[in-house]
Amino acid sequence: MENNQKIKCNVKSCAYNKCDCNECNLEEIMVSCNSGCQNDKVNEKNETICDSFKMKQQ
């Protein structure tokens, strides 16, 4: 990442989360509007989701 940026993540069910230090190990992430929302009707409490989420293998 440019300028030594880091993506912090505490979602332990995501395969890209390095749980020991709460960092996302992807080079980039995609954040999108939560399903069904429109630009003028965004619910602030759940307006975005991480489209790059991948469930850990169990």
N, C-alpha and C. Protein backbone atom coordinates (compact mmCIF):
# COMPACT_ATOMS: atom_id res chain seq x y z
N MET A 1 0.84 -1.18 0.00
CA MET A 1 0.00 0.00 0.00
C MET A 1 0.88 1.25 0.00
N GLU A 2 0.34 2.29 -0.54
CA GLU A 2 1.10 3.53 -0.61
C GLU A 2 1.21 4.19 0.77
N ASN A 3 2.29 4.88 0.97
CA ASN A 3 2.50 5.67 2.19
C ASN A 3 2.36 4.87 3.47
N ASN A 4 2.74 3.60 3.43
CA ASN A 4 2.70 2.74 4.61
C ASN A 4 1.33 2.65 5.26
N GLN A 5 0.27 2.72 4.47
CA GLN A 5 -1.08 2.59 5.00
C GLN A 5 -1.35 1.16 5.40
N LYS A 6 -2.20 0.99 6.40
CA LYS A 6 -2.59 -0.34 6.86
C LYS A 6 -4.10 -0.40 6.96
N ILE A 7 -4.64 -1.57 6.70
CA ILE A 7 -6.06 -1.80 6.90
C ILE A 7 -6.20 -2.59 8.19
N LYS A 8 -6.88 -2.04 9.17
CA LYS A 8 -7.12 -2.71 10.44
C LYS A 8 -8.47 -3.40 10.38
N CYS A 9 -8.55 -4.59 10.95
CA CYS A 9 -9.78 -5.37 10.91
C CYS A 9 -9.87 -6.24 12.15
N ASN A 10 -11.03 -6.26 12.78
CA ASN A 10 -11.22 -7.15 13.93
C ASN A 10 -12.33 -8.17 13.69
N VAL A 11 -12.63 -8.43 12.40
CA VAL A 11 -13.62 -9.44 12.04
C VAL A 11 -12.91 -10.78 11.99
N LYS A 12 -13.01 -11.54 13.05
CA LYS A 12 -12.24 -12.77 13.19
C LYS A 12 -12.69 -13.88 12.25
N SER A 13 -13.89 -13.79 11.67
CA SER A 13 -14.37 -14.82 10.76
C SER A 13 -13.85 -14.64 9.33
N CYS A 14 -13.16 -13.54 9.07
CA CYS A 14 -12.65 -13.28 7.72
C CYS A 14 -11.27 -13.91 7.54
N ALA A 15 -11.09 -14.63 6.44
CA ALA A 15 -9.83 -15.33 6.17
C ALA A 15 -8.66 -14.37 5.98
N TYR A 16 -8.92 -13.12 5.65
CA TYR A 16 -7.84 -12.16 5.43
C TYR A 16 -7.40 -11.42 6.69
N ASN A 17 -8.08 -11.66 7.79
CA ASN A 17 -7.72 -11.00 9.04
C ASN A 17 -6.59 -11.76 9.73
N LYS A 18 -5.49 -11.07 9.99
CA LYS A 18 -4.41 -11.65 10.77
C LYS A 18 -4.76 -11.38 12.23
N CYS A 19 -5.42 -12.34 12.87
CA CYS A 19 -6.03 -12.13 14.18
C CYS A 19 -5.06 -11.71 15.27
N ASP A 20 -3.80 -12.09 15.15
CA ASP A 20 -2.85 -11.73 16.20
C ASP A 20 -2.58 -10.23 16.25
N CYS A 21 -2.77 -9.52 15.13
CA CYS A 21 -2.51 -8.08 15.13
C CYS A 21 -3.65 -7.26 14.52
N ASN A 22 -4.78 -7.90 14.24
CA ASN A 22 -5.96 -7.22 13.67
C ASN A 22 -5.67 -6.44 12.40
N GLU A 23 -4.86 -6.99 11.51
CA GLU A 23 -4.59 -6.36 10.23
C GLU A 23 -5.14 -7.21 9.09
N CYS A 24 -5.66 -6.54 8.07
CA CYS A 24 -6.13 -7.21 6.87
C CYS A 24 -4.92 -7.46 5.98
N ASN A 25 -4.74 -8.68 5.49
CA ASN A 25 -3.56 -8.98 4.69
C ASN A 25 -3.80 -8.90 3.18
N LEU A 26 -4.89 -8.25 2.76
CA LEU A 26 -5.12 -8.01 1.33
C LEU A 26 -4.35 -6.77 0.89
N GLU A 27 -3.97 -6.73 -0.38
CA GLU A 27 -3.33 -5.54 -0.93
C GLU A 27 -4.32 -4.39 -1.06
N GLU A 28 -5.57 -4.71 -1.31
CA GLU A 28 -6.61 -3.70 -1.40
C GLU A 28 -7.93 -4.32 -0.98
N ILE A 29 -8.89 -3.49 -0.57
CA ILE A 29 -10.21 -3.97 -0.22
C ILE A 29 -11.25 -3.21 -1.02
N MET A 30 -12.42 -3.81 -1.16
CA MET A 30 -13.55 -3.14 -1.80
C MET A 30 -14.62 -2.95 -0.73
N VAL A 31 -14.99 -1.70 -0.49
CA VAL A 31 -16.06 -1.37 0.44
C VAL A 31 -17.22 -0.86 -0.38
N SER A 32 -18.41 -1.43 -0.16
CA SER A 32 -19.58 -1.07 -0.95
C SER A 32 -20.75 -0.68 -0.06
N CYS A 33 -21.71 -0.04 -0.67
CA CYS A 33 -22.95 0.30 0.03
C CYS A 33 -23.66 -0.98 0.40
N ASN A 34 -24.19 -1.05 1.60
CA ASN A 34 -24.92 -2.23 2.06
C ASN A 34 -26.08 -2.51 1.11
N SER A 35 -26.40 -3.76 0.92
CA SER A 35 -27.41 -4.15 -0.07
C SER A 35 -28.72 -3.41 0.13
N GLY A 36 -29.23 -2.90 -0.99
CA GLY A 36 -30.53 -2.25 -0.98
C GLY A 36 -30.51 -0.77 -0.68
N CYS A 37 -29.39 -0.21 -0.31
CA CYS A 37 -29.39 1.22 0.00
C CYS A 37 -29.16 2.05 -1.26
N GLN A 38 -29.65 3.25 -1.24
CA GLN A 38 -29.46 4.18 -2.34
C GLN A 38 -28.68 5.37 -1.81
N ASN A 39 -28.03 6.11 -2.68
CA ASN A 39 -27.18 7.22 -2.25
C ASN A 39 -27.89 8.22 -1.34
N ASP A 40 -29.16 8.48 -1.56
CA ASP A 40 -29.87 9.46 -0.76
C ASP A 40 -30.59 8.85 0.44
N LYS A 41 -30.51 7.51 0.60
CA LYS A 41 -31.20 6.84 1.70
C LYS A 41 -30.26 5.88 2.42
N VAL A 42 -29.11 6.38 2.85
CA VAL A 42 -28.12 5.53 3.51
C VAL A 42 -28.37 5.51 5.01
N ASN A 43 -28.43 4.31 5.57
CA ASN A 43 -28.57 4.14 7.01
C ASN A 43 -27.17 4.22 7.62
N GLU A 44 -26.89 5.25 8.41
CA GLU A 44 -25.54 5.48 8.92
C GLU A 44 -25.00 4.33 9.75
N LYS A 45 -25.86 3.57 10.41
CA LYS A 45 -25.40 2.50 11.29
C LYS A 45 -24.89 1.29 10.53
N ASN A 46 -25.36 1.08 9.30
CA ASN A 46 -24.91 -0.08 8.54
C ASN A 46 -24.78 0.27 7.06
N GLU A 47 -24.18 1.43 6.78
CA GLU A 47 -24.15 1.90 5.41
C GLU A 47 -23.14 1.17 4.53
N THR A 48 -22.10 0.56 5.09
CA THR A 48 -21.10 -0.08 4.24
C THR A 48 -20.82 -1.51 4.67
N ILE A 49 -20.35 -2.30 3.71
CA ILE A 49 -19.90 -3.65 3.96
C ILE A 49 -18.59 -3.87 3.20
N CYS A 50 -17.83 -4.83 3.62
CA CYS A 50 -16.59 -5.17 2.93
C CYS A 50 -16.89 -6.26 1.91
N ASP A 51 -16.85 -5.92 0.65
CA ASP A 51 -17.10 -6.89 -0.42
C ASP A 51 -15.96 -7.88 -0.57
N SER A 52 -14.82 -7.61 0.05
CA SER A 52 -13.67 -8.50 -0.04
C SER A 52 -13.68 -9.59 1.03
N PHE A 53 -14.67 -9.58 1.91
CA PHE A 53 -14.77 -10.56 2.99
C PHE A 53 -14.75 -11.99 2.44
N LYS A 54 -13.97 -12.84 3.07
CA LYS A 54 -13.94 -14.25 2.72
C LYS A 54 -13.97 -15.05 4.01
N MET A 55 -14.95 -15.95 4.14
CA MET A 55 -15.10 -16.75 5.36
C MET A 55 -13.91 -17.70 5.54
N LYS A 56 -13.42 -17.77 6.76
CA LYS A 56 -12.34 -18.68 7.07
C LYS A 56 -12.79 -20.13 6.89
N GLN A 57 -11.88 -20.98 6.44
CA GLN A 57 -12.16 -22.42 6.37
C GLN A 57 -12.14 -22.98 7.79
N GLN A 58 -13.08 -23.84 8.09
CA GLN A 58 -13.11 -24.42 9.44
C GLN A 58 -12.84 -25.88 9.41
